[in-house]
Amino acid sequence: MFEKVFKNLDDIMFQEPGCNSELDYAEQSSWMLFLKYLDDMENERSLEAQMTGKAYQPLFKTQYRWSDWASPKIADGKPDLDKTRVGSDLVDFVNNSLMAYLRGFAETANNPNSIEAKIGQIFTEVRNKFGNGYMLKDALDLIDSLNFGTQDQKSELSDLYETRIKNMGNAGKNGGQYYTPRPLIRAMLKVMDPKLGETIYDPAAGSAGFLCEAFDHLKGKATTPEHRQLLQQKTFYAKEQAPLAYVIGLMNMILHGIEAPNYLRTDTLSERVADIQEKDRYDIILANPPFGGNKNKQLQQNFPVKSSESAYMFMQHFVESLKGGGRAAVIIKNTFLSNTDGASIAIRKQLMDDCNLHTILDCPGGTFLGAGVKTVVLFFERGRSTKDIWYYQLDPGRNMGKTNPLNDKDLEEFVSMQAGRTLGDKSWILNVSDLDEETYDLSVKNPNEPEEEPLREPQEIISDMLARDAETAAILEDIRGLL
């Protein structure tokens, strides 16, 4: 049922002039889904309070509850036509009353990590893009048909929401900002193996896929109220600068079950790495940082190694944000391993001097749908320098694309072999002592593959051609002699 509702919702938004892309579809359906989800959550908590004889204070004033403005009903469950808003009245209420009320939560919330504060943060960024109040009412009615009262319903919603984020990622060149393939994240988590009580940080969180998967990885281990509180409040930490990515990520975490995420809307790169203190460090970092040139010279001053490449700034932030013995798994363009500019060389050297870069996973083209870059995953631990690096060259045996995406089975061998650093046709170990100390080139060069024939010099090729021409001329002369 959820899938059909999402499709019908997209059909409505396709006709709405204010919704022009997959990104708009995600944003607009998100804020409505979120408010309906909160209303169902409030109903659930109100019933629990009644059963235990406790008082319950709703999050919203009555007139701003979903059941009062979006889909008011009379006692028998039929629409309350006297209270139902349509057309321009509905748009005016949403734009000028509801949204303003919800944005006010950012100022009135007592705790910055409370659900109230998160509501305020979300609606500070979100705007209603429906100009047609009748289409908006149709969309609200579709959302109202969904129920999130059971765990199965919540799980189905979070799965469909992930699919919507995946579609956003496939929609354009900025796809990696919204969607990192979940099989790849799960494989990274299996290698990292986070434990209850460890802090997990993503400073470029986007849609928060790493933290949602980490929550799913750990929630079965939280068997006591204390464990569950630890998981909810003191495990996951995130930062994101882009407004839409932040909103999508925050709601994704809430829909997955992290009720008040420690997720900040901020530019991570605006922080000086020299100012990072022990209290700012984490046990685990999981990230897929944005790449590309950053012309802001001021930001570059926050890092010891100056570079206009955003991913290189993030690499320095990662290393400094790990606790001693902390570990990281981060995705980066494979050119990081071989670029010969001064910044690339310096950061590779710093990474190997300050951390044990123990594993490099080489990902094939097509791993990231909608993005044509080749990537690698770096696994490292802070506290001791690198002696050798285990490489694995991922080869699913097919061309990957939208109809053949990366799956969990593709990564089973990597996870299994990484545990013992097993050698094979697609894996090998590079000793750091063998590196050229001028370049620290870490390029993926599988020694098990047959060496390519070296290219011949142009003069050699010309001489060979002339010799063949001479042979051909001699053969033709012999043939003429026989005629």
Protein backbone atom coordinates (compact mmCIF):
# COMPACT_ATOMS: atom_id res chain seq x y z
CA MET A 1 0.00 0.00 0.00
CA PHE A 2 2.78 2.43 0.89
CA GLU A 3 4.39 1.99 -2.54
CA LYS A 4 1.14 2.78 -4.35
CA VAL A 5 0.61 5.89 -2.23
CA PHE A 6 4.12 7.11 -3.05
CA LYS A 7 3.50 6.61 -6.77
CA ASN A 8 0.20 8.48 -6.65
CA LEU A 9 1.88 11.24 -4.69
CA ASP A 10 4.53 11.60 -7.39
CA ASP A 11 1.80 11.79 -10.03
CA ILE A 12 0.22 14.72 -8.17
CA MET A 13 3.52 16.54 -7.74
CA PHE A 14 4.33 16.03 -11.42
CA GLN A 15 1.33 18.24 -12.21
CA GLU A 16 2.24 20.89 -9.62
CA PRO A 17 4.29 23.73 -11.24
CA GLY A 18 6.19 24.32 -8.00
CA CYS A 19 7.65 20.79 -8.02
CA ASN A 20 10.15 20.47 -10.86
CA SER A 21 12.48 17.61 -9.96
CA GLU A 22 13.02 14.44 -7.96
CA LEU A 23 14.58 16.65 -5.30
CA ASP A 24 11.36 18.67 -5.00
CA TYR A 25 9.32 15.47 -4.82
CA ALA A 26 11.45 14.22 -1.94
CA GLU A 27 11.37 17.52 -0.05
CA GLN A 28 7.61 18.07 -0.37
CA SER A 29 6.56 14.52 0.42
CA SER A 30 9.05 14.53 3.33
CA TRP A 31 7.56 17.35 5.35
CA MET A 32 4.06 15.95 4.98
CA LEU A 33 5.15 12.42 5.86
CA PHE A 34 7.04 13.75 8.84
CA LEU A 35 4.03 15.58 10.29
CA LYS A 36 1.77 12.56 9.78
CA TYR A 37 4.41 10.34 11.39
CA LEU A 38 4.61 12.67 14.39
CA ASP A 39 0.82 12.70 14.73
CA ASP A 40 0.69 8.90 14.83
CA MET A 41 3.58 8.90 17.31
CA GLU A 42 1.69 11.37 19.51
CA ASN A 43 -1.44 9.21 19.43
CA GLU A 44 0.63 6.19 20.40
CA ARG A 45 2.29 7.99 23.31
CA SER A 46 -0.99 9.48 24.49
CA LEU A 47 -2.53 5.99 24.68
CA GLU A 48 0.52 4.67 26.54
CA ALA A 49 0.22 7.52 29.04
CA GLN A 50 -3.48 6.80 29.60
CA MET A 51 -2.75 3.12 30.24
CA THR A 52 -0.13 3.99 32.86
CA GLY A 53 -2.13 6.83 34.37
CA LYS A 54 0.48 9.43 33.46
CA ALA A 55 -0.14 12.87 32.01
CA TYR A 56 0.95 13.46 28.44
CA GLN A 57 1.81 16.87 27.01
CA PRO A 58 1.39 16.90 23.19
CA LEU A 59 4.11 18.41 21.03
CA PHE A 60 1.70 20.62 19.08
CA LYS A 61 -1.12 22.95 19.94
CA THR A 62 -4.44 21.45 18.87
CA GLN A 63 -4.94 23.59 15.75
CA TYR A 64 -1.54 22.57 14.40
CA ARG A 65 -1.91 18.83 14.85
CA TRP A 66 -2.18 16.89 11.61
CA SER A 67 -5.53 15.44 12.57
CA ASP A 68 -6.95 18.93 13.06
CA TRP A 69 -5.72 20.82 9.97
CA ALA A 70 -4.67 18.24 7.35
CA SER A 71 -7.49 15.74 7.65
CA PRO A 72 -10.14 16.71 10.22
CA LYS A 73 -12.77 14.03 10.82
CA ILE A 74 -16.03 13.67 12.71
CA ALA A 75 -16.72 10.91 15.23
CA ASP A 76 -17.54 8.23 12.62
CA GLY A 77 -14.27 8.81 10.78
CA LYS A 78 -15.75 10.72 7.86
CA PRO A 79 -14.23 14.07 6.78
CA ASP A 80 -15.34 17.06 8.82
CA LEU A 81 -16.39 19.35 5.97
CA ASP A 82 -16.89 22.32 8.30
CA LYS A 83 -13.21 22.29 9.37
CA THR A 84 -11.65 21.13 6.10
CA ARG A 85 -9.54 23.74 4.33
CA VAL A 86 -9.22 23.66 0.54
CA GLY A 87 -7.85 25.81 -2.25
CA SER A 88 -6.19 29.11 -1.36
CA ASP A 89 -7.36 28.86 2.27
CA LEU A 90 -5.28 25.70 2.73
CA VAL A 91 -2.18 27.16 1.06
CA ASP A 92 -2.48 30.34 3.12
CA PHE A 93 -2.79 28.38 6.38
CA VAL A 94 0.22 26.17 5.57
CA ASN A 95 2.47 28.99 4.37
CA ASN A 96 1.62 31.72 6.85
CA SER A 97 0.44 29.93 9.97
CA LEU A 98 1.59 26.29 10.17
CA MET A 99 5.13 26.78 8.83
CA ALA A 100 5.71 29.85 11.00
CA TYR A 101 4.52 27.93 14.09
CA LEU A 102 6.80 24.97 13.34
CA ARG A 103 9.82 27.19 12.69
CA GLY A 104 9.25 28.73 16.11
CA PHE A 105 10.19 25.43 17.76
CA ALA A 106 13.84 26.21 17.01
CA GLU A 107 13.62 29.17 19.41
CA THR A 108 11.39 27.70 22.12
CA ALA A 109 12.96 24.23 22.51
CA ASN A 110 14.80 23.93 25.84
CA ASN A 111 17.14 21.17 24.66
CA PRO A 112 18.94 21.52 21.29
CA ASN A 113 18.88 17.73 20.91
CA SER A 114 15.16 17.33 21.61
CA ILE A 115 12.55 16.37 19.01
CA GLU A 116 11.11 19.88 19.39
CA ALA A 117 14.43 21.43 18.36
CA LYS A 118 14.69 19.09 15.38
CA ILE A 119 11.19 20.06 14.23
CA GLY A 120 12.24 23.70 14.34
CA GLN A 121 15.43 22.99 12.41
CA ILE A 122 13.59 21.07 9.69
CA PHE A 123 10.95 23.72 9.09
CA THR A 124 13.50 26.52 9.15
CA GLU A 125 14.78 24.95 5.92
CA VAL A 126 11.59 23.59 4.33
CA ARG A 127 9.05 25.62 2.36
CA ASN A 128 5.74 24.49 0.91
CA LYS A 129 6.05 24.47 -2.89
CA PHE A 130 2.43 23.66 -3.61
CA GLY A 131 0.72 26.71 -5.07
CA ASN A 132 -2.45 24.83 -5.97
CA GLY A 133 -4.42 24.17 -2.78
CA TYR A 134 -6.52 21.44 -4.36
CA MET A 135 -3.43 19.46 -5.36
CA LEU A 136 -2.04 20.01 -1.87
CA LYS A 137 -5.26 18.62 -0.38
CA ASP A 138 -5.05 15.56 -2.64
CA ALA A 139 -1.45 15.00 -1.49
CA LEU A 140 -2.42 15.38 2.19
CA ASP A 141 -5.27 12.89 1.77
CA LEU A 142 -2.87 10.34 0.31
CA ILE A 143 -0.43 10.78 3.19
CA ASP A 144 -3.31 10.55 5.68
CA SER A 145 -4.21 7.10 4.34
CA LEU A 146 -0.92 5.79 5.74
CA ASN A 147 -0.56 4.53 9.30
CA PHE A 148 2.69 4.29 11.24
CA GLY A 149 1.35 2.67 14.39
CA THR A 150 3.24 -0.63 14.17
CA GLN A 151 6.93 -1.41 13.84
CA ASP A 152 6.30 -3.17 10.52
CA GLN A 153 4.62 -0.03 9.16
CA LYS A 154 7.49 2.14 10.36
CA SER A 155 10.00 -0.23 8.76
CA GLU A 156 8.12 -0.18 5.47
CA LEU A 157 8.05 3.61 5.53
CA SER A 158 11.78 3.89 6.22
CA ASP A 159 12.52 1.42 3.39
CA LEU A 160 10.41 3.42 0.94
CA TYR A 161 11.98 6.64 2.13
CA GLU A 162 15.39 5.12 1.42
CA THR A 163 14.17 4.28 -2.09
CA ARG A 164 13.12 7.90 -2.59
CA ILE A 165 16.58 9.06 -1.47
CA LYS A 166 18.12 6.56 -3.88
CA ASN A 167 16.05 8.04 -6.71
CA MET A 168 17.27 11.49 -5.71
CA GLY A 169 20.82 10.20 -5.91
CA ASN A 170 20.21 8.80 -9.39
CA ALA A 171 18.63 12.05 -10.56
CA GLY A 172 21.81 14.04 -11.13
CA LYS A 173 25.52 14.58 -10.78
CA ASN A 174 25.19 15.40 -7.07
CA GLY A 175 23.80 11.94 -6.36
CA GLY A 176 26.54 10.94 -3.94
CA GLN A 177 25.40 13.75 -1.65
CA TYR A 178 22.14 11.92 -1.12
CA TYR A 179 22.83 8.25 -1.63
CA THR A 180 25.77 5.96 -0.98
CA PRO A 181 24.95 2.36 -2.03
CA ARG A 182 23.68 0.57 1.05
CA PRO A 183 25.48 -2.73 0.29
CA LEU A 184 28.76 -0.80 0.33
CA ILE A 185 27.87 0.85 3.65
CA ARG A 186 26.92 -2.50 5.17
CA ALA A 187 30.23 -4.02 4.08
CA MET A 188 32.10 -1.08 5.61
CA LEU A 189 30.18 -1.60 8.85
CA LYS A 190 31.01 -5.31 8.93
CA VAL A 191 34.70 -4.47 8.70
CA MET A 192 34.42 -1.70 11.32
CA ASP A 193 32.21 -3.80 13.64
CA PRO A 194 31.01 -0.97 15.94
CA LYS A 195 30.22 -1.85 19.55
CA LEU A 196 27.59 -0.46 21.91
CA GLY A 197 29.06 2.54 23.70
CA GLU A 198 31.26 3.64 20.80
CA THR A 199 30.54 7.02 19.22
CA ILE A 200 29.95 7.10 15.46
CA TYR A 201 30.45 10.29 13.45
CA ASP A 202 29.76 11.41 9.90
CA PRO A 203 30.87 15.02 9.27
CA ALA A 204 29.44 15.05 5.72
CA ALA A 205 26.28 13.11 6.47
CA GLY A 206 23.95 14.04 3.62
CA SER A 207 20.94 11.73 3.84
CA ALA A 208 22.53 9.99 6.88
CA GLY A 209 22.71 6.59 5.23
CA PHE A 210 25.82 5.60 7.21
CA LEU A 211 24.23 6.40 10.56
CA CYS A 212 20.88 4.79 9.70
CA GLU A 213 22.65 1.58 8.67
CA ALA A 214 24.84 1.75 11.80
CA PHE A 215 21.70 2.10 13.92
CA ASP A 216 20.20 -0.98 12.24
CA HIS A 217 23.51 -2.80 12.81
CA LEU A 218 23.50 -2.02 16.55
CA LYS A 219 19.85 -1.89 17.61
CA GLY A 220 19.56 -5.66 18.08
CA LYS A 221 22.36 -5.46 20.64
CA ALA A 222 20.55 -2.83 22.74
CA THR A 223 18.72 -5.23 25.07
CA THR A 224 18.18 -2.99 28.12
CA PRO A 225 16.58 0.46 28.62
CA GLU A 226 20.06 1.82 29.40
CA HIS A 227 21.43 0.41 26.14
CA ARG A 228 18.54 1.85 24.16
CA GLN A 229 19.02 5.28 25.73
CA LEU A 230 22.74 5.09 24.94
CA LEU A 231 21.96 4.22 21.33
CA GLN A 232 19.41 7.01 21.01
CA GLN A 233 21.31 9.82 22.66
CA LYS A 234 25.06 9.21 22.82
CA THR A 235 26.06 7.13 19.80
CA PHE A 236 25.38 8.90 16.50
CA TYR A 237 26.70 12.33 15.53
CA ALA A 238 26.42 14.11 12.19
CA LYS A 239 27.00 17.40 10.40
CA GLU A 240 25.83 18.70 7.05
CA GLN A 241 25.92 22.06 5.31
CA ALA A 242 23.48 21.68 2.38
CA PRO A 243 19.91 22.57 3.50
CA LEU A 244 17.95 19.89 1.61
CA ALA A 245 20.48 17.14 2.34
CA TYR A 246 20.31 18.09 6.03
CA VAL A 247 16.51 17.96 6.13
CA ILE A 248 16.37 14.63 4.29
CA GLY A 249 19.05 13.15 6.55
CA LEU A 250 17.44 14.37 9.75
CA MET A 251 14.07 12.92 8.79
CA ASN A 252 15.68 9.71 7.57
CA MET A 253 17.24 9.17 10.99
CA ILE A 254 13.96 9.91 12.78
CA LEU A 255 12.00 7.57 10.51
CA HIS A 256 14.58 4.84 11.15
CA GLY A 257 13.99 5.16 14.89
CA ILE A 258 16.57 7.69 16.10
CA GLU A 259 14.05 10.04 17.66
CA ALA A 260 16.19 13.15 18.31
CA PRO A 261 19.37 12.88 16.25
CA ASN A 262 22.57 14.70 17.17
CA TYR A 263 22.63 16.15 13.66
CA LEU A 264 23.88 19.71 13.17
CA ARG A 265 23.35 22.01 10.19
CA THR A 266 26.84 23.47 9.87
CA ASP A 267 29.82 23.69 7.54
CA THR A 268 32.28 21.17 8.94
CA LEU A 269 35.12 22.74 6.95
CA SER A 270 34.67 26.06 8.74
CA GLU A 271 36.18 24.46 11.87
CA ARG A 272 39.94 24.79 12.38
CA VAL A 273 41.42 21.33 12.83
CA ALA A 274 43.88 22.83 15.33
CA ASP A 275 40.94 23.66 17.58
CA ILE A 276 39.63 20.08 17.76
CA GLN A 277 39.91 18.87 21.35
CA GLU A 278 39.60 15.41 22.88
CA LYS A 279 35.91 15.98 23.69
CA ASP A 280 35.35 16.58 19.96
CA ARG A 281 36.79 13.22 18.91
CA TYR A 282 34.98 9.97 18.10
CA ASP A 283 35.56 6.23 18.14
CA ILE A 284 34.38 5.62 14.57
CA ILE A 285 34.08 7.78 11.46
CA LEU A 286 32.03 6.65 8.47
CA ALA A 287 31.81 9.08 5.57
CA ASN A 288 31.53 9.77 1.86
CA PRO A 289 32.69 13.40 1.71
CA PRO A 290 31.86 15.68 -1.22
CA PHE A 291 34.62 16.21 -3.75
CA GLY A 292 35.38 19.12 -6.02
CA GLY A 293 37.15 22.44 -5.96
CA ASN A 294 36.42 24.90 -3.18
CA LYS A 295 37.48 28.42 -4.07
CA ASN A 296 37.02 29.78 -0.54
CA LYS A 297 40.58 30.65 0.42
CA GLN A 298 39.50 31.39 3.98
CA LEU A 299 38.33 27.81 4.53
CA GLN A 300 41.68 26.50 3.37
CA GLN A 301 43.37 28.36 6.21
CA ASN A 302 41.68 25.98 8.65
CA PHE A 303 43.93 23.09 7.54
CA PRO A 304 47.66 22.43 7.78
CA VAL A 305 47.79 21.21 4.17
CA LYS A 306 46.23 23.83 1.90
CA SER A 307 44.09 22.50 -0.95
CA SER A 308 41.05 23.70 -2.89
CA GLU A 309 39.75 20.09 -3.00
CA SER A 310 36.96 19.65 -0.46
CA ALA A 311 37.65 15.95 0.04
CA TYR A 312 41.27 16.73 1.01
CA MET A 313 40.08 19.14 3.70
CA PHE A 314 37.73 16.46 4.99
CA MET A 315 40.56 13.90 5.06
CA GLN A 316 42.49 16.15 7.46
CA HIS A 317 39.34 16.63 9.55
CA PHE A 318 38.81 12.85 9.72
CA VAL A 319 42.30 12.13 11.04
CA GLU A 320 42.14 14.87 13.68
CA SER A 321 38.58 13.89 14.76
CA LEU A 322 39.47 10.31 15.66
CA LYS A 323 40.26 9.31 19.21
CA GLY A 324 43.50 7.46 19.81
CA GLY A 325 42.76 3.94 18.59
CA GLY A 326 39.70 5.25 16.76
CA ARG A 327 38.98 3.86 13.32
CA ALA A 328 37.52 5.15 10.08
CA ALA A 329 36.15 3.95 6.78
CA VAL A 330 35.79 6.71 4.19
CA ILE A 331 35.06 6.84 0.48
CA ILE A 332 37.17 9.03 -1.79
CA LYS A 333 38.00 9.35 -5.49
CA ASN A 334 40.68 6.88 -6.55
CA THR A 335 42.80 9.75 -7.93
CA PHE A 336 43.63 10.61 -4.31
CA LEU A 337 45.95 7.60 -4.33
CA SER A 338 48.09 8.81 -7.22
CA ASN A 339 47.80 12.57 -7.74
CA THR A 340 51.25 14.14 -7.82
CA ASP A 341 50.42 17.65 -6.58
CA GLY A 342 51.96 18.71 -3.28
CA ALA A 343 48.72 18.56 -1.27
CA SER A 344 47.88 15.01 -2.36
CA ILE A 345 51.36 13.76 -1.50
CA ALA A 346 51.39 15.56 1.87
CA ILE A 347 47.98 14.21 2.92
CA ARG A 348 48.86 10.65 1.91
CA LYS A 349 52.06 10.93 3.96
CA GLN A 350 50.20 12.40 6.95
CA LEU A 351 47.58 9.65 6.77
CA MET A 352 50.22 6.91 6.82
CA ASP A 353 52.36 8.61 9.48
CA ASP A 354 49.48 9.32 11.90
CA CYS A 355 47.32 6.28 11.16
CA ASN A 356 47.49 2.65 10.19
CA LEU A 357 45.97 2.67 6.70
CA HIS A 358 45.46 -1.08 6.72
CA THR A 359 42.94 -1.65 3.90
CA ILE A 360 42.05 -0.13 0.52
CA LEU A 361 38.95 -1.38 -1.28
CA ASP A 362 39.00 -0.51 -4.99
CA CYS A 363 35.44 -0.04 -6.29
CA PRO A 364 34.57 -0.52 -9.97
CA GLY A 365 32.98 2.09 -12.20
CA GLY A 366 29.21 2.17 -11.82
CA THR A 367 29.31 1.68 -8.04
CA PHE A 368 27.72 5.11 -7.65
CA LEU A 369 24.75 5.39 -9.98
CA GLY A 370 24.48 8.79 -11.63
CA ALA A 371 28.14 9.58 -10.94
CA GLY A 372 30.91 8.56 -13.32
CA VAL A 373 33.84 8.70 -10.92
CA LYS A 374 35.82 5.72 -9.67
CA THR A 375 36.22 5.48 -5.93
CA VAL A 376 38.13 3.64 -3.24
CA VAL A 377 37.30 3.00 0.42
CA LEU A 378 40.09 3.75 2.90
CA PHE A 379 40.09 1.89 6.22
CA PHE A 380 42.43 3.30 8.84
CA GLU A 381 43.06 3.45 12.59
CA ARG A 382 44.63 6.36 14.43
CA GLY A 383 47.51 5.78 16.80
CA ARG A 384 50.25 4.00 14.91
CA SER A 385 51.85 4.44 11.51
CA THR A 386 51.22 2.28 8.45
CA LYS A 387 53.55 -0.66 7.79
CA ASP A 388 51.67 -2.35 4.98
CA ILE A 389 48.33 -2.04 3.17
CA TRP A 390 45.99 -4.83 2.11
CA TYR A 391 44.28 -4.11 -1.21
CA TYR A 392 41.16 -5.70 -2.63
CA GLN A 393 39.97 -5.11 -6.17
CA LEU A 394 36.19 -5.48 -6.27
CA ASP A 395 35.01 -7.12 -9.48
CA PRO A 396 31.35 -8.21 -9.55
CA GLY A 397 31.87 -9.72 -13.00
CA ARG A 398 29.34 -7.49 -14.75
CA ASN A 399 28.81 -3.93 -15.87
CA MET A 400 26.92 -2.19 -13.11
CA GLY A 401 24.12 0.29 -13.67
CA LYS A 402 20.56 1.05 -12.62
CA THR A 403 19.40 -2.44 -13.60
CA ASN A 404 22.50 -4.15 -12.16
CA PRO A 405 23.43 -2.21 -9.01
CA LEU A 406 25.91 -3.28 -6.38
CA ASN A 407 24.45 -5.89 -4.00
CA ASP A 408 25.45 -7.48 -0.69
CA LYS A 409 26.61 -10.69 -2.34
CA ASP A 410 29.13 -8.75 -4.44
CA LEU A 411 30.93 -7.74 -1.23
CA GLU A 412 30.82 -11.03 0.68
CA GLU A 413 34.27 -12.15 -0.49
CA PHE A 414 35.83 -8.79 0.39
CA VAL A 415 34.44 -8.88 3.94
CA SER A 416 35.50 -12.50 4.43
CA MET A 417 39.02 -12.05 3.04
CA GLN A 418 39.61 -8.71 4.78
CA ALA A 419 39.21 -10.29 8.21
CA GLY A 420 42.35 -12.38 7.64
CA ARG A 421 43.98 -10.12 5.03
CA THR A 422 43.89 -13.12 2.73
CA LEU A 423 45.91 -13.02 -0.48
CA GLY A 424 44.34 -13.97 -3.79
CA ASP A 425 43.94 -13.03 -7.44
CA LYS A 426 42.13 -9.82 -6.46
CA SER A 427 43.99 -9.03 -3.24
CA TRP A 428 47.57 -8.24 -2.36
CA ILE A 429 49.71 -6.44 0.23
CA LEU A 430 51.85 -3.36 -0.39
CA ASN A 431 54.76 -2.75 2.00
CA VAL A 432 55.20 0.93 2.79
CA SER A 433 58.98 0.45 2.70
CA ASP A 434 58.62 -0.16 -1.05
CA LEU A 435 56.98 3.23 -1.69
CA ASP A 436 58.67 6.06 -3.52
CA GLU A 437 59.19 8.58 -0.72
CA GLU A 438 58.90 11.47 -3.15
CA THR A 439 55.36 10.62 -4.29
CA TYR A 440 53.91 8.11 -1.78
CA ASP A 441 51.96 6.73 -4.74
CA LEU A 442 49.32 4.28 -3.49
CA SER A 443 47.76 3.52 -6.89
CA VAL A 444 45.79 0.30 -7.27
CA LYS A 445 48.22 -1.92 -9.20
CA ASN A 446 47.29 -5.57 -8.94
CA PRO A 447 50.56 -7.55 -9.15
CA ASN A 448 48.57 -10.70 -10.01
CA GLU A 449 47.45 -9.31 -13.36
CA PRO A 450 49.65 -10.01 -16.39
CA GLU A 451 51.89 -7.11 -17.27
CA GLU A 452 50.96 -5.21 -20.40
CA GLU A 453 53.45 -5.16 -23.22
CA PRO A 454 55.41 -1.89 -23.07
CA LEU A 455 54.62 0.60 -25.80
CA ARG A 456 57.21 0.67 -28.58
CA GLU A 457 59.14 3.78 -29.51
CA PRO A 458 57.85 5.59 -32.66
CA GLN A 459 61.16 5.07 -34.50
CA GLU A 460 60.96 1.33 -33.83
CA ILE A 461 57.44 1.22 -35.28
CA ILE A 462 58.50 3.19 -38.39
CA SER A 463 61.52 0.93 -38.95
CA ASP A 464 59.29 -2.14 -38.66
CA MET A 465 56.85 -0.70 -41.19
CA LEU A 466 59.65 0.09 -43.66
CA ALA A 467 61.04 -3.41 -43.27
CA ARG A 468 57.61 -4.92 -43.99
CA ASP A 469 57.21 -2.66 -47.01
CA ALA A 470 60.57 -3.87 -48.31
CA GLU A 471 59.52 -7.51 -47.83
CA THR A 472 56.26 -6.87 -49.66
CA ALA A 473 58.08 -5.18 -52.55
CA ALA A 474 60.48 -8.12 -52.86
CA ILE A 475 57.60 -10.62 -52.95
CA LEU A 476 55.84 -8.60 -55.67
CA GLU A 477 59.10 -8.48 -57.72
CA ASP A 478 59.43 -12.28 -57.49
CA ILE A 479 55.81 -12.70 -58.68
CA ARG A 480 56.47 -10.46 -61.69
CA GLY A 481 59.52 -12.58 -62.57
CA LEU A 482 57.32 -15.67 -62.73
CA LEU A 483 54.75 -14.10 -65.06
